[in-house]
Protein backbone atom coordinates (compact mmCIF):
# COMPACT_ATOMS: atom_id res chain seq x y z
CA MET A 1 37.81 -29.52 34.48
CA ARG A 2 36.45 -29.97 30.94
CA ASP A 3 32.94 -30.49 32.31
CA LEU A 4 33.28 -27.40 34.42
CA CYS A 5 34.32 -25.43 31.35
CA TRP A 6 31.34 -26.70 29.36
CA SER A 7 29.08 -25.89 32.33
CA PHE A 8 30.50 -22.35 32.58
CA MET A 9 30.14 -21.76 28.82
CA GLY A 10 26.53 -23.02 29.01
CA MET A 11 25.74 -20.66 31.88
CA SER A 12 27.40 -17.83 30.05
CA SER A 13 25.31 -18.52 26.94
CA LEU A 14 22.14 -18.58 28.98
CA PHE A 15 23.15 -15.35 30.74
CA CYS A 16 23.80 -13.59 27.40
CA SER A 17 20.45 -14.82 26.08
CA TYR A 18 18.69 -13.53 29.17
CA MET A 19 20.50 -10.16 28.94
CA ASN A 20 19.52 -9.84 25.23
CA LYS A 21 15.89 -10.76 25.85
CA LEU A 22 13.67 -7.90 24.71
CA ARG A 23 10.21 -6.85 25.69
CA ILE A 24 8.42 -6.45 22.39
CA GLY A 25 5.05 -5.03 21.61
CA VAL A 26 3.23 -5.73 18.30
CA ILE A 27 0.23 -3.53 17.47
CA ASP A 28 -2.12 -4.42 14.60
CA LEU A 29 -4.12 -1.30 13.76
CA VAL A 30 -7.44 -2.44 12.22
CA CYS A 31 -9.03 0.96 12.78
CA LYS A 32 -7.76 4.50 12.88
CA GLY A 33 -8.75 5.76 16.26
CA PRO A 34 -10.88 5.11 19.38
CA THR A 35 -14.39 3.89 18.54
CA ASN A 36 -17.26 2.24 20.29
CA THR A 37 -19.63 1.60 17.41
CA LEU A 38 -21.74 -1.56 17.19
CA TRP A 39 -20.08 -2.50 13.90
CA GLY A 40 -16.65 -2.08 15.48
CA LYS A 41 -17.61 -4.22 18.49
CA ILE A 42 -18.83 -7.06 16.21
CA MET A 43 -16.45 -6.89 13.29
CA HIS A 44 -13.13 -5.15 14.03
CA ALA A 45 -11.47 -8.16 15.71
CA ASN A 46 -12.33 -10.13 12.57
CA LEU A 47 -10.23 -7.74 10.51
CA ALA A 48 -6.97 -8.75 12.15
CA SER A 49 -3.97 -8.99 9.77
CA ILE A 50 -1.69 -12.02 9.44
CA MET A 51 1.72 -10.44 9.30
CA PRO A 52 1.61 -8.86 12.80
CA GLN A 53 0.91 -12.40 14.14
CA VAL A 54 3.82 -13.68 12.01
CA VAL A 55 6.20 -11.05 13.28
CA ALA A 56 5.17 -11.77 16.89
CA THR A 57 5.85 -15.43 16.31
CA TRP A 58 9.22 -14.83 14.74
CA CYS A 59 10.15 -12.60 17.70
CA GLU A 60 9.18 -15.28 20.17
CA GLN A 61 11.15 -17.86 18.29
CA GLN A 62 14.20 -15.59 18.76
CA GLY A 63 13.62 -15.84 22.55
CA HIS A 64 11.98 -12.49 23.25
CA GLU A 65 8.91 -11.69 25.35
CA VAL A 66 6.09 -10.56 23.05
CA THR A 67 2.71 -8.92 23.56
CA LEU A 68 0.43 -8.60 20.55
CA ILE A 69 -2.50 -6.18 20.55
CA CYS A 70 -5.13 -6.14 17.79
CA TYR A 71 -6.39 -2.59 18.14
CA THR A 72 -10.15 -2.53 17.55
CA GLY A 73 -10.63 1.01 18.82
CA ARG A 74 -11.70 -0.03 22.31
CA GLU A 75 -8.34 -0.71 23.91
CA ASP A 76 -6.27 1.72 25.95
CA LEU A 77 -2.90 1.47 24.28
CA THR A 78 -1.21 3.36 27.08
CA LYS A 79 -1.93 0.33 29.33
CA GLU A 80 -2.06 -2.69 26.99
CA LEU A 81 1.70 -3.15 26.57
CA PRO A 82 3.97 -3.92 29.54
CA GLY A 83 5.92 -1.12 31.10
CA GLY A 84 9.41 -0.58 29.78
CA VAL A 85 8.75 -2.15 26.41
CA ASP A 86 11.91 -2.10 24.34
CA LEU A 87 10.67 -2.42 20.81
CA VAL A 88 7.21 -1.74 19.28
CA PHE A 89 6.17 -3.03 15.89
CA ILE A 90 3.12 -1.33 14.41
CA SER A 91 1.23 -2.61 11.35
CA SER A 92 -0.90 -0.07 9.59
CA PHE A 93 -2.95 0.61 6.52
CA THR A 94 -2.61 4.17 5.20
CA GLN A 95 -5.91 5.26 6.70
CA ALA A 96 -4.51 4.56 10.20
CA ALA A 97 -1.05 6.08 9.49
CA LEU A 98 -1.65 9.18 11.62
CA LEU A 99 -2.58 7.04 14.61
CA ALA A 100 0.53 4.99 13.90
CA TYR A 101 2.66 8.11 13.86
CA ALA A 102 1.12 9.28 17.14
CA LEU A 103 1.73 5.92 18.74
CA SER A 104 5.36 5.92 17.58
CA ASN A 105 5.85 9.38 19.09
CA TYR A 106 4.32 8.19 22.34
CA PHE A 107 6.35 5.00 22.66
CA ARG A 108 9.58 6.75 21.67
CA SER A 109 8.95 9.18 24.52
CA LYS A 110 8.85 6.15 26.84
CA GLY A 111 12.25 4.96 25.58
CA ALA A 112 11.08 2.35 23.01
CA VAL A 113 12.38 1.83 19.48
CA THR A 114 9.57 1.77 16.92
CA VAL A 115 9.10 -0.15 13.71
CA LEU A 116 6.40 0.32 11.03
CA GLY A 117 5.19 -2.45 8.74
CA GLY A 118 2.09 -3.10 6.62
CA PRO A 119 0.69 -1.45 3.52
CA HIS A 120 1.48 2.14 4.54
CA ALA A 121 5.17 1.28 5.05
CA ARG A 122 5.22 -0.06 1.47
CA CYS A 123 3.27 2.83 -0.04
CA TYR A 124 4.88 5.82 1.73
CA PRO A 125 8.31 4.74 3.05
CA ASP A 126 9.93 8.13 2.65
CA ASP A 127 7.28 9.75 4.82
CA ALA A 128 7.15 6.98 7.40
CA VAL A 129 10.98 7.11 8.10
CA LEU A 130 10.46 10.57 9.56
CA TYR A 131 8.46 9.10 12.41
CA PHE A 132 9.77 5.57 12.94
CA ASP A 133 13.19 4.07 13.70
CA TYR A 134 12.62 1.34 11.12
CA VAL A 135 10.27 1.11 8.21
CA LEU A 136 9.74 -2.28 6.56
CA GLY A 137 8.80 -3.05 2.98
CA PHE A 138 8.61 -6.79 2.18
CA ALA A 139 9.70 -8.52 5.36
CA ASN A 140 10.90 -12.03 6.02
CA GLN A 141 12.40 -13.71 9.09
CA SER A 142 15.86 -12.33 8.20
CA THR A 143 14.52 -8.77 8.02
CA ILE A 144 12.98 -9.06 11.44
CA ALA A 145 16.16 -10.64 12.82
CA GLU A 146 18.15 -7.67 11.49
CA VAL A 147 15.90 -5.25 13.42
CA LEU A 148 16.17 -7.34 16.57
CA ASP A 149 19.94 -7.51 16.32
CA ASP A 150 20.39 -3.82 15.67
CA ARG A 151 17.45 -2.50 17.79
CA ALA A 152 18.96 0.96 17.76
CA ALA A 153 17.12 4.31 17.55
CA HIS A 154 17.57 5.82 14.12
CA ARG A 155 16.66 9.49 14.37
CA PRO A 156 15.73 11.95 12.93
CA VAL A 157 15.42 9.74 9.87
CA GLY A 158 14.65 6.05 10.31
CA LYS A 159 16.14 3.08 8.50
CA TYR A 160 14.29 1.45 5.64
CA LEU A 161 14.61 -2.32 5.26
CA ALA A 162 13.05 -4.52 2.61
CA ALA A 163 13.49 -8.14 1.50
CA ARG A 164 13.68 -8.80 -2.23
CA GLN A 165 10.32 -10.54 -2.24
CA GLN A 166 7.56 -11.68 0.02
CA PRO A 167 8.41 -14.70 2.26
CA LEU A 168 8.02 -18.16 0.77
CA HIS A 169 6.90 -19.52 4.13
CA LEU A 170 4.96 -18.13 7.06
CA PRO A 171 4.29 -19.58 10.49
CA GLY A 172 1.04 -21.50 10.35
CA VAL A 173 -2.17 -21.21 12.37
CA ALA A 174 -0.94 -23.57 15.09
CA GLU A 175 2.24 -21.54 15.56
CA ARG A 176 0.26 -18.26 15.65
CA TRP A 177 -2.63 -19.64 17.67
CA LYS A 178 -1.92 -17.83 20.97
CA PHE A 179 -2.18 -14.49 19.10
CA ILE A 180 -5.19 -15.53 17.07
CA GLU A 181 -7.02 -16.80 20.08
CA ALA A 182 -6.46 -13.62 22.10
CA THR A 183 -7.83 -11.51 19.23
CA LEU A 184 -10.84 -13.69 18.63
CA LYS A 185 -11.90 -13.35 22.26
CA LYS A 186 -12.71 -9.75 21.38
CA ALA A 187 -15.22 -10.83 18.77
CA PRO A 188 -18.60 -11.50 20.49
CA PHE A 189 -20.38 -13.50 17.86
CA LEU A 190 -18.75 -14.06 14.44
CA LYS A 191 -15.15 -15.26 14.85
CA MET A 192 -13.08 -15.42 11.65
CA VAL A 193 -9.61 -16.93 11.57
CA PRO A 194 -7.26 -15.20 9.07
CA MET A 195 -5.42 -17.51 6.71
CA ILE A 196 -3.50 -17.05 3.50
CA GLY A 197 -2.73 -19.51 0.70
CA SER A 198 -0.84 -17.34 -1.76
CA MET A 199 1.04 -14.10 -2.26
CA GLY A 200 0.75 -11.63 -5.11
CA CYS A 201 -1.68 -11.74 -8.06
CA PRO A 202 -1.44 -12.86 -11.66
CA TYR A 203 -3.50 -9.88 -12.81
CA THR A 204 -2.01 -6.45 -13.41
CA CYS A 205 -4.73 -3.96 -12.50
CA PRO A 206 -2.70 -0.75 -12.78
CA PHE A 207 -4.14 0.83 -9.59
CA CYS A 208 -3.59 -2.19 -7.28
CA ILE A 209 -0.76 -2.65 -4.72
CA ASP A 210 -0.41 -6.33 -5.87
CA SER A 211 -0.14 -5.53 -9.54
CA THR A 212 3.65 -5.84 -9.55
CA VAL A 213 3.93 -8.65 -6.97
CA PRO A 214 4.51 -12.04 -8.63
CA TYR A 215 1.97 -14.67 -7.76
CA GLN A 216 3.30 -17.47 -5.53
CA PRO A 217 1.33 -20.17 -3.74
CA LEU A 218 2.26 -21.18 -0.21
CA ASP A 219 2.64 -24.80 0.84
CA PHE A 220 -0.68 -26.68 0.33
CA GLN A 221 0.29 -29.43 2.82
CA GLU A 222 0.73 -26.74 5.51
CA MET A 223 -2.67 -25.36 4.56
CA LYS A 224 -4.19 -28.74 5.17
CA GLN A 225 -2.45 -29.10 8.54
CA ASP A 226 -3.66 -25.63 9.61
CA LEU A 227 -7.28 -26.52 8.75
CA GLN A 228 -6.99 -29.76 10.63
CA PHE A 229 -5.69 -27.81 13.64
CA LEU A 230 -8.64 -25.45 13.51
CA ARG A 231 -10.98 -28.39 13.70
CA THR A 232 -9.59 -29.05 17.17
CA LYS A 233 -10.60 -25.54 18.27
CA PHE A 234 -13.99 -25.06 16.58
CA LYS A 235 -16.80 -27.38 15.52
CA THR A 236 -17.17 -25.46 12.21
CA PRO A 237 -14.30 -22.93 11.88
CA THR A 238 -14.89 -19.72 9.94
CA VAL A 239 -11.84 -18.83 7.84
CA ALA A 240 -11.21 -15.56 6.03
CA TRP A 241 -8.71 -16.03 3.21
CA HIS A 242 -6.42 -13.01 2.85
CA ASP A 243 -5.14 -13.93 -0.60
CA PRO A 244 -5.33 -10.98 -3.05
CA ASN A 245 -7.01 -13.42 -5.45
CA PHE A 246 -7.95 -16.78 -3.91
CA GLY A 247 -8.06 -19.93 -5.96
CA VAL A 248 -5.65 -19.16 -8.79
CA ARG A 249 -4.28 -22.71 -8.29
CA PHE A 250 -7.79 -23.93 -7.89
CA GLU A 251 -7.42 -27.72 -7.85
CA GLU A 252 -4.53 -27.66 -5.40
CA ASN A 253 -6.40 -25.31 -3.03
CA MET A 254 -9.56 -27.40 -3.15
CA ASP A 255 -7.62 -30.70 -2.72
CA ALA A 256 -5.96 -29.27 0.44
CA ILE A 257 -9.34 -28.21 1.88
CA ALA A 258 -11.16 -31.42 0.94
CA SER A 259 -8.39 -33.62 2.46
CA ALA A 260 -8.39 -31.70 5.79
CA ALA A 261 -11.86 -32.77 6.95
CA PRO A 262 -15.26 -33.93 5.65
CA LEU A 263 -17.05 -31.67 3.17
CA LYS A 264 -18.54 -28.50 4.63
CA SER A 265 -16.55 -28.77 7.86
CA PHE A 266 -15.56 -25.11 7.39
CA ARG A 267 -17.14 -21.78 6.44
CA PHE A 268 -14.85 -19.81 4.07
CA LEU A 269 -14.80 -16.20 2.87
CA ALA A 270 -12.49 -15.23 -0.03
CA GLU A 271 -11.81 -12.48 -2.56
CA SER A 272 -11.56 -14.01 -6.01
CA SER A 273 -11.99 -12.92 -9.60
CA LEU A 274 -15.02 -13.75 -11.75
CA SER A 275 -12.71 -15.49 -14.19
CA ILE A 276 -11.99 -18.13 -11.51
CA LEU A 277 -15.63 -18.44 -10.43
CA THR A 278 -16.91 -20.71 -13.21
CA GLU A 279 -19.96 -22.84 -12.51
CA LYS A 280 -17.78 -25.90 -12.34
CA HIS A 281 -15.58 -24.19 -9.69
CA LEU A 282 -18.59 -22.87 -7.83
CA LYS A 283 -19.95 -26.34 -7.34
CA VAL A 284 -16.67 -27.36 -5.71
CA LEU A 285 -16.60 -24.19 -3.59
CA ASN A 286 -20.09 -24.91 -2.40
CA GLU A 287 -19.15 -28.48 -1.47
CA ASN A 288 -16.20 -27.16 0.52
CA GLY A 289 -18.17 -24.63 2.53
CA PHE A 290 -17.56 -21.27 0.82
CA THR A 291 -20.23 -18.89 2.11
CA ALA A 292 -18.98 -15.47 0.93
CA LEU A 293 -17.13 -14.32 -2.17
CA LEU A 294 -15.88 -10.84 -3.07
CA PRO A 295 -15.20 -10.63 -6.87
CA GLY A 296 -13.85 -7.49 -8.49
CA VAL A 297 -15.84 -6.03 -11.37
CA GLU A 298 -14.00 -2.67 -11.06
CA THR A 299 -15.29 -0.98 -14.26
CA TRP A 300 -17.61 -1.57 -17.24
CA TYR A 301 -14.96 -0.50 -19.74
CA GLU A 302 -11.66 -2.25 -19.00
CA LEU A 303 -10.01 -5.04 -16.96
CA GLY A 304 -12.19 -7.60 -18.64
CA ASN A 305 -9.66 -10.40 -18.07
CA LYS A 306 -10.70 -10.52 -14.40
CA SER A 307 -14.40 -10.85 -15.17
CA ARG A 308 -14.28 -13.16 -18.26
CA THR A 309 -15.43 -10.20 -20.42
CA ALA A 310 -12.21 -9.43 -22.23
CA HIS A 311 -13.95 -8.21 -25.41
CA VAL A 312 -17.23 -6.96 -23.88
CA THR A 313 -17.86 -3.44 -22.45
CA GLY A 314 -20.76 -1.22 -21.48
CA GLU A 315 -24.28 -2.56 -21.45
CA ASP A 316 -23.19 -5.98 -22.76
CA LYS A 317 -20.73 -6.42 -19.95
CA VAL A 318 -23.43 -5.40 -17.36
CA ARG A 319 -25.70 -8.13 -18.57
CA GLN A 320 -22.96 -10.76 -18.73
CA VAL A 321 -21.60 -9.89 -15.28
CA ALA A 322 -25.16 -9.81 -13.78
CA GLU A 323 -25.86 -13.23 -15.15
CA HIS A 324 -22.56 -14.51 -13.77
CA VAL A 325 -23.22 -13.04 -10.32
CA ASN A 326 -26.73 -14.41 -10.21
CA MET A 327 -25.33 -17.83 -11.06
CA ILE A 328 -22.88 -17.51 -8.12
CA PHE A 329 -25.81 -17.14 -5.82
CA LYS A 330 -26.98 -20.61 -6.75
CA TYR A 331 -23.91 -21.89 -4.82
CA VAL A 332 -22.81 -19.14 -2.41
CA PRO A 333 -25.17 -17.10 -0.16
CA TYR A 334 -23.15 -13.85 0.05
CA VAL A 335 -21.50 -11.89 -2.76
CA GLN A 336 -19.93 -8.49 -2.68
CA THR A 337 -19.13 -6.98 -6.07
CA ASN A 338 -16.36 -4.41 -6.04
CA PHE A 339 -16.28 -1.28 -8.26
CA VAL A 340 -13.83 1.61 -8.67
CA LEU A 341 -15.45 4.98 -9.40
CA GLY A 342 -13.62 7.72 -11.27
CA LEU A 343 -11.27 5.70 -13.48
CA ASP A 344 -9.96 7.53 -16.52
CA SER A 345 -12.06 5.33 -18.77
CA ASP A 346 -15.25 6.72 -17.14
CA LYS A 347 -17.08 9.55 -18.84
CA GLY A 348 -20.40 11.21 -18.30
CA ALA A 349 -23.39 9.58 -16.64
CA GLU A 350 -23.13 6.19 -18.36
CA PRO A 351 -20.76 4.38 -15.91
CA PHE A 352 -23.00 5.25 -13.00
CA GLU A 353 -26.20 4.39 -14.89
CA LEU A 354 -24.73 1.04 -15.91
CA THR A 355 -23.99 0.27 -12.24
CA LYS A 356 -27.61 1.12 -11.40
CA ARG A 357 -28.66 -1.29 -14.10
CA PHE A 358 -26.42 -3.99 -12.59
CA ILE A 359 -28.07 -3.40 -9.17
CA ASP A 360 -31.46 -4.00 -10.81
CA LEU A 361 -30.34 -7.11 -12.65
CA SER A 362 -28.51 -8.63 -9.64
CA PRO A 363 -30.44 -7.46 -6.56
CA SER A 364 -28.82 -9.98 -4.18
CA ALA A 365 -25.27 -8.68 -4.59
CA PHE A 366 -23.87 -6.07 -2.19
CA PRO A 367 -22.05 -3.43 -4.24
CA GLY A 368 -18.77 -2.16 -2.76
CA TYR A 369 -17.73 1.18 -4.18
CA SER A 370 -14.18 2.61 -4.01
CA LEU A 371 -13.19 6.11 -5.14
CA LEU A 372 -10.06 5.93 -7.27
CA THR A 373 -7.08 6.52 -4.92
CA ALA A 374 -3.32 6.65 -5.49
CA PHE A 375 -1.49 5.15 -2.52
CA GLY A 376 2.05 6.54 -2.90
CA GLU A 377 4.32 3.84 -4.40
CA ALA A 378 1.63 1.16 -4.44
CA ALA A 379 1.32 0.95 -8.27
CA PRO A 380 3.22 2.16 -11.34
CA LEU A 381 0.12 4.03 -12.54
CA ASN A 382 0.61 6.44 -9.63
CA LEU A 383 3.66 7.81 -11.44
CA GLN A 384 1.46 8.82 -14.34
CA TYR A 385 -0.98 10.61 -12.02
CA GLN A 386 1.89 12.44 -10.42
CA ARG A 387 3.42 13.46 -13.73
CA GLU A 388 0.04 14.90 -14.76
CA HIS A 389 -0.13 16.87 -11.47
CA ARG A 390 -3.38 15.17 -10.53
CA VAL A 391 -2.49 13.76 -7.05
CA LEU A 392 -3.77 15.87 -4.15
CA PRO A 393 -2.08 15.93 -0.68
CA PHE A 394 -5.10 14.66 1.34
CA PRO A 395 -3.90 13.53 4.82
CA PHE A 396 -3.44 9.81 5.08
CA HIS A 397 -6.44 9.61 7.47
CA PHE A 398 -8.77 9.96 4.52
CA LEU A 399 -7.09 7.57 2.12
CA ASN A 400 -9.39 4.57 2.57
CA ASN A 401 -11.03 4.53 -0.90
CA HIS A 402 -14.16 6.48 0.15
CA LEU A 403 -13.43 9.45 2.40
CA ALA A 404 -11.27 11.21 -0.18
CA MET A 405 -10.44 10.73 -3.83
CA ASN A 406 -6.92 12.08 -4.02
CA ILE A 407 -6.77 12.06 -7.80
CA LYS A 408 -8.37 14.84 -9.81
CA PRO A 409 -10.75 13.04 -12.21
CA ARG A 410 -9.85 13.25 -15.85
CA ASN A 411 -13.35 13.56 -17.22
CA TYR A 412 -15.38 15.15 -14.50
CA GLU A 413 -15.56 18.43 -12.62
CA TRP A 414 -15.59 17.85 -8.89
CA VAL A 415 -19.22 18.81 -8.19
CA ASP A 416 -20.46 16.82 -11.20
CA PHE A 417 -18.51 13.85 -10.01
CA TYR A 418 -19.92 13.98 -6.52
CA ASP A 419 -23.39 14.50 -7.84
CA LYS A 420 -23.05 11.22 -9.72
CA VAL A 421 -21.51 9.39 -6.73
CA ILE A 422 -24.26 10.65 -4.47
CA ASP A 423 -26.97 9.67 -6.96
CA LEU A 424 -25.54 6.13 -7.27
CA THR A 425 -25.15 5.74 -3.48
CA GLU A 426 -28.73 6.93 -2.93
CA TYR A 427 -29.95 4.42 -5.48
CA THR A 428 -27.90 1.60 -3.96
CA PHE A 429 -29.07 2.21 -0.41
CA SER A 430 -32.59 3.48 -1.05
CA PRO A 431 -35.33 1.76 1.03
CA GLN A 432 -36.50 0.06 -2.16
CA ALA A 433 -33.02 -1.30 -2.96
CA ILE A 434 -32.46 -2.49 0.58
CA TYR A 435 -35.81 -4.21 0.54
CA ARG A 436 -35.13 -5.90 -2.80
CA ARG A 437 -31.72 -7.01 -1.50
CA LEU A 438 -33.26 -8.52 1.65
CA LYS A 439 -36.08 -10.14 -0.31
CA ALA A 440 -33.63 -11.70 -2.80
CA THR A 441 -31.36 -13.05 -0.04
CA SER A 442 -32.52 -16.19 1.82
CA ASN A 443 -29.56 -16.69 4.10
CA PHE A 444 -30.11 -15.04 7.53
CA THR A 445 -26.45 -14.03 8.10
CA ALA A 446 -26.21 -12.58 4.60
CA ARG A 447 -29.39 -10.58 5.09
CA TRP A 448 -28.15 -9.29 8.43
CA MET A 449 -24.81 -8.27 6.92
CA ASN A 450 -26.46 -6.45 4.04
CA LEU A 451 -28.82 -4.52 6.29
CA MET A 452 -26.11 -3.54 8.82
CA ARG A 453 -23.75 -2.33 6.09
CA ALA A 454 -26.50 -0.36 4.40
CA ILE A 455 -27.60 1.58 7.46
CA SER A 456 -24.13 2.00 9.04
CA SER A 457 -21.24 4.25 8.07
CA GLU A 458 -20.72 2.27 4.84
CA GLY A 459 -24.13 3.11 3.37
CA TYR A 460 -26.02 5.95 5.04
CA GLY A 461 -22.84 7.28 6.66
CA ARG A 462 -20.97 7.68 3.37
CA LEU A 463 -24.01 9.30 1.76
CA ARG A 464 -24.12 11.92 4.49
CA PHE A 465 -20.41 12.52 4.07
CA PHE A 466 -20.52 12.76 0.28
CA ARG A 467 -23.35 15.35 0.56
CA GLN A 468 -21.34 17.44 3.00
CA VAL A 469 -18.28 17.40 0.70
CA ARG A 470 -20.48 18.48 -2.26
CA ASP A 471 -21.94 21.30 -0.25
CA ASN A 472 -18.47 22.46 0.76
CA LEU A 473 -17.28 22.37 -2.81
CA ILE A 474 -20.08 24.77 -3.77
CA ASN A 475 -20.14 27.05 -0.75
CA ASP A 476 -16.53 27.23 0.49
CA LYS A 477 -14.06 28.77 -1.94
CA ALA A 478 -10.99 27.60 0.02
CA PHE A 479 -12.37 24.05 0.16
CA ARG A 480 -12.78 24.07 -3.63
CA GLN A 481 -9.30 25.52 -4.18
CA TYR A 482 -7.82 22.64 -2.13
CA PHE A 483 -9.62 20.13 -4.40
CA GLU A 484 -8.40 21.88 -7.53
CA GLY A 485 -4.82 21.82 -6.32
CA GLN A 486 -4.73 25.64 -6.14
CA SER A 487 -4.11 25.61 -2.37
CA GLN A 488 -2.09 23.39 -0.04
CA GLU A 489 -3.97 24.57 3.10
CA LEU A 490 -5.99 21.73 4.55
CA PRO A 491 -9.61 22.78 5.06
CA LEU A 492 -10.62 22.92 8.72
CA PHE A 493 -13.46 20.45 7.83
CA TYR A 494 -10.85 17.72 7.54
CA THR A 495 -8.65 18.82 10.41
CA ASN A 496 -11.68 18.62 12.75
CA ILE A 497 -12.48 15.09 11.60
CA ILE A 498 -8.89 13.98 12.30
CA LYS A 499 -8.89 15.59 15.75
CA ARG A 500 -12.27 13.96 16.61
CA ASP A 501 -11.23 10.53 15.32
CA LEU A 502 -7.81 10.41 17.05
CA GLY A 503 -9.18 11.58 20.42
CA TYR A 504 -6.46 11.27 23.04
CA TRP A 505 -3.90 10.49 20.34
CA TRP A 506 -4.27 13.89 18.64
CA ASP A 507 -1.99 15.41 21.29
CA TRP A 508 0.74 12.87 20.39
CA LEU A 509 0.58 13.52 16.65
CA PRO A 510 4.04 14.68 15.55
CA GLN A 511 4.53 18.12 14.04
CA GLY A 512 4.13 18.02 10.30
CA ALA A 513 2.34 14.68 10.20
CA LEU A 514 -0.81 16.08 8.61
CA GLN A 515 1.20 16.95 5.51
CA HIS A 516 3.12 14.74 3.12
CA ASN A 517 4.75 15.03 -0.28
CA SER A 518 2.09 13.66 -2.62
CA ASN A 519 4.64 13.49 -5.44
CA ALA A 520 7.38 11.71 -3.51
CA TYR A 521 7.24 8.62 -5.72
CA LEU A 522 7.80 10.67 -8.85
CA HIS A 523 10.64 12.70 -7.27
CA LYS A 524 12.35 9.47 -6.10
CA THR A 525 12.06 7.89 -9.53
CA GLU A 526 13.48 11.00 -11.25
CA ARG A 527 16.39 11.09 -8.77
CA ALA A 528 17.14 7.44 -9.43
CA LYS A 529 17.21 8.06 -13.18
CA VAL A 530 19.65 10.96 -12.79
CA MET A 531 21.95 8.88 -10.52
CA SER A 532 21.88 5.95 -12.98
CA LEU A 533 22.89 8.30 -15.80
CA GLN A 534 25.74 9.69 -13.69
CA ASP A 535 27.00 6.16 -13.01
């Protein structure tokens, strides 16, 4: 009788588990709409994020049926997920937020509960809850379990959940492999495996989303095991490190890599600060197979702690950084130097002329330019911009650091600013500069990447766009009023771009999604202060 009871209880448990099994979709938006460009075909699958794979793994570990889609712009999302999906997790950067909102509206109409994670959920939670049942800040396994246990529709306003900090442990490459492998099959040539060795950043760049996130390394032994696993899948794996600043714990990182396999068994790409990239460290990086580095220069006037130029600015900093970058090329074949245009420390023509000087002094480096952008609650500095009434309500679709600068520059008029941005972009991607960059670069892959980026939407494409914006600022009064904050009416120029980019998904865009409260962070902070005083 006792055995029968145990048998019945076991069957009951299995039955309950079966009844609670959910069909879950996880969508990683690496682009913001349907596209069929050559760059997208080659590179978009290599831009896959780690956390969607992590969430998919955690859901499977809870016994659920999971389908993960890395959306590269070529998939039909009305067919990719199984019919009758119960729960859909969507990971999105802010530039893809409107697509995410449209997808949520679509899947809700099919009876699914929707969840938003990723940078947009952290930056604009108060807007996102209007379109999702759950919006996640920092998420760990307990946070995901809470969603799976509740799995209720929360409407008209969704439920915001956030862990106190980023997770201390993530499922490794071996645990995520089925999702990684399915995504890499979409990449025809270059296949980059996403890995991460640390969370947060020790630097406090005031415009950065990681500026307030404490630095914490992940387990180095698990890093070694993941690398060893990859050697069973590829002869020479290519790994893209997603750390905000790779190599802060330099010796431990290099020891883990070196102990995983013989030297140069991998090809690595990483974003790291110039302060870490000393010649001693570069020799070690070279020995361990690092082929691409993306250091942040940001500006010629501040943030010198990242570039080992704490007390050097202007022309002196240009020379010192150029010498440093040229030294990097002795050990690493590809370097992208990152700059932010329009910071409050910039005045007049000098910042742009100094960047041209850098291009001349370090012709091998590929300059990456970002227009200063405030992403909601991403950084404390955004509160200052909002207090100064300088943040503009550009739709999320354009907040990708180059299609729109949503902060009125402190020291420039708009036309003057775009004149200088256009002039710098023309200089950077002139036939002469492209030729010099190709001539100074010996590595074939690096030369191909530099050329493709220069003649694609990143180089020539942005130049065309900047020129159109400048012309509109001069010739369209309503367009100029929007930039000056005198009008809240979105110019048709931008509406048409969104409609074109979203394609089929434009019809699923929820009412009101093109607008958002650009001062929501400030308003929330002020309300919190009032409530604390009342308590």
